[in-house]
Structure formats: C-alpha cells, structure tokens
Amino acid sequence: MKKLIKVEQTGCAPCIAVGNYLKDELDVPHTVVNVGDRPDVAAFYELASVPTTLLIEVEDPEELKGKELARSIKFNPAELDELAAALAE
C-alpha cells in the first residue's frame, strides 16, 4: 500500500505550511514524523532538510520505513499535488 509521510521538526514554519496544505487544500491522509522523536526515520531516508514529504510503499499501514516512490522537499505545492495524485492512484 502507498502511504504519505511528512517529516518535520518542532517550530519549523515551512513544516507547518506543508501540513496545512496537505490537510486544508488537498485533504490527503498523511502521517507526521518528528525528526526529534524519530531520527531513525530521517536517517533511513537520508534526509538533509525538513520538511520532507515522502510517498512510500509499505506492507503494514503502521510502518514508517518502506520503499520510497517520490519526495518533496520544503514547501512546494506543485510537488505536493503530484504526491497526492500518486497516492490516489
């Protein structure tokens, strides 16, 4: 199954913007992962900055580490739209 995860950091303004866009504009289900709480997830995907939104393939809906299908870095509405469309496919 495909899953959208947003990796963020507490107090990050672009992270808030991405979250609001995913929720309010796209109304797309996503899981929020805080790098302070789960640095292992950031390391697994070799993330260099937040926010990073990932489209992944997992077997279990609770999994956070799966096959990366696509990513969007920072607040980029066009890329987020593409991720949301791919999630729906």
Protein backbone atom coordinates (compact mmCIF):
# COMPACT_ATOMS: atom_id res chain seq x y z
CA MET A 1 0.00 0.00 0.00
CA LYS A 2 1.08 3.58 -0.62
CA LYS A 3 1.48 5.98 2.28
CA LEU A 4 2.36 9.67 2.55
CA ILE A 5 4.60 10.77 5.42
CA LYS A 6 5.69 14.29 6.31
CA VAL A 7 8.96 14.53 8.20
CA GLU A 8 9.19 17.70 10.23
CA GLN A 9 10.80 19.46 13.18
CA THR A 10 9.08 21.29 16.01
CA GLY A 11 8.81 25.04 15.41
CA CYS A 12 9.56 24.83 11.68
CA ALA A 13 7.42 27.36 9.75
CA PRO A 14 7.71 25.58 6.36
CA CYS A 15 6.74 22.33 8.12
CA ILE A 16 3.55 23.99 9.35
CA ALA A 17 2.85 25.31 5.84
CA VAL A 18 3.21 21.83 4.32
CA GLY A 19 0.95 20.34 6.99
CA ASN A 20 -1.72 22.96 6.42
CA TYR A 21 -1.55 22.47 2.66
CA LEU A 22 -1.87 18.69 2.91
CA LYS A 23 -4.76 18.97 5.35
CA ASP A 24 -6.68 22.05 4.21
CA GLU A 25 -6.00 22.27 0.46
CA LEU A 26 -5.56 18.63 -0.55
CA ASP A 27 -7.40 16.84 2.28
CA VAL A 28 -4.99 13.94 1.88
CA PRO A 29 -4.24 11.39 4.61
CA HIS A 30 -0.66 11.57 5.85
CA THR A 31 1.46 10.57 8.80
CA VAL A 32 3.57 13.18 10.60
CA VAL A 33 7.01 12.15 11.82
CA ASN A 34 9.03 14.48 14.06
CA VAL A 35 12.80 14.06 13.49
CA GLY A 36 13.41 14.79 17.16
CA ASP A 37 11.32 11.79 18.14
CA ARG A 38 12.29 9.50 15.23
CA PRO A 39 15.80 10.34 13.95
CA ASP A 40 15.96 6.75 12.64
CA VAL A 41 13.32 7.59 10.02
CA ALA A 42 15.28 10.64 8.83
CA ALA A 43 18.44 8.54 8.66
CA PHE A 44 16.69 5.72 6.79
CA TYR A 45 15.62 8.11 4.02
CA GLU A 46 18.90 10.10 4.20
CA LEU A 47 17.04 13.37 4.73
CA ALA A 48 19.11 16.55 4.68
CA SER A 49 16.33 19.04 5.48
CA VAL A 50 12.79 19.39 6.74
CA PRO A 51 10.08 19.42 5.84
CA THR A 52 10.36 16.47 3.52
CA THR A 53 7.22 14.74 2.34
CA LEU A 54 7.63 11.17 1.14
CA LEU A 55 5.41 8.84 -0.83
CA ILE A 56 6.34 5.33 0.22
CA GLU A 57 5.21 1.75 -0.37
CA VAL A 58 4.69 -0.36 2.77
CA GLU A 59 3.03 -3.67 3.58
CA ASP A 60 1.75 -2.62 7.00
CA PRO A 61 -0.03 0.77 7.33
CA GLU A 62 1.79 1.39 10.63
CA GLU A 63 5.23 1.13 9.01
CA LEU A 64 7.30 4.27 8.51
CA LYS A 65 10.19 2.71 6.63
CA GLY A 66 9.37 1.42 3.18
CA LYS A 67 10.28 1.77 -0.46
CA GLU A 68 10.48 5.45 -1.41
CA LEU A 69 8.43 6.24 -4.51
CA ALA A 70 8.76 10.06 -4.55
CA ARG A 71 9.65 13.03 -2.36
CA SER A 72 9.06 16.75 -1.98
CA ILE A 73 11.47 18.97 -0.08
CA LYS A 74 10.39 22.19 1.66
CA PHE A 75 7.02 23.79 0.77
CA ASN A 76 6.45 23.10 -2.92
CA PRO A 77 2.70 22.98 -3.73
CA ALA A 78 3.20 21.59 -7.26
CA GLU A 79 5.24 18.65 -5.94
CA LEU A 80 2.77 18.08 -3.10
CA ASP A 81 -0.05 17.97 -5.65
CA GLU A 82 1.86 15.31 -7.59
CA LEU A 83 2.42 13.23 -4.44
CA ALA A 84 -1.28 13.44 -3.55
CA ALA A 85 -2.28 12.38 -7.08
CA ALA A 86 0.16 9.44 -7.00
CA LEU A 87 -1.20 8.40 -3.59
CA ALA A 88 -4.71 8.22 -5.05
CA GLU A 89 -3.65 6.01 -7.99
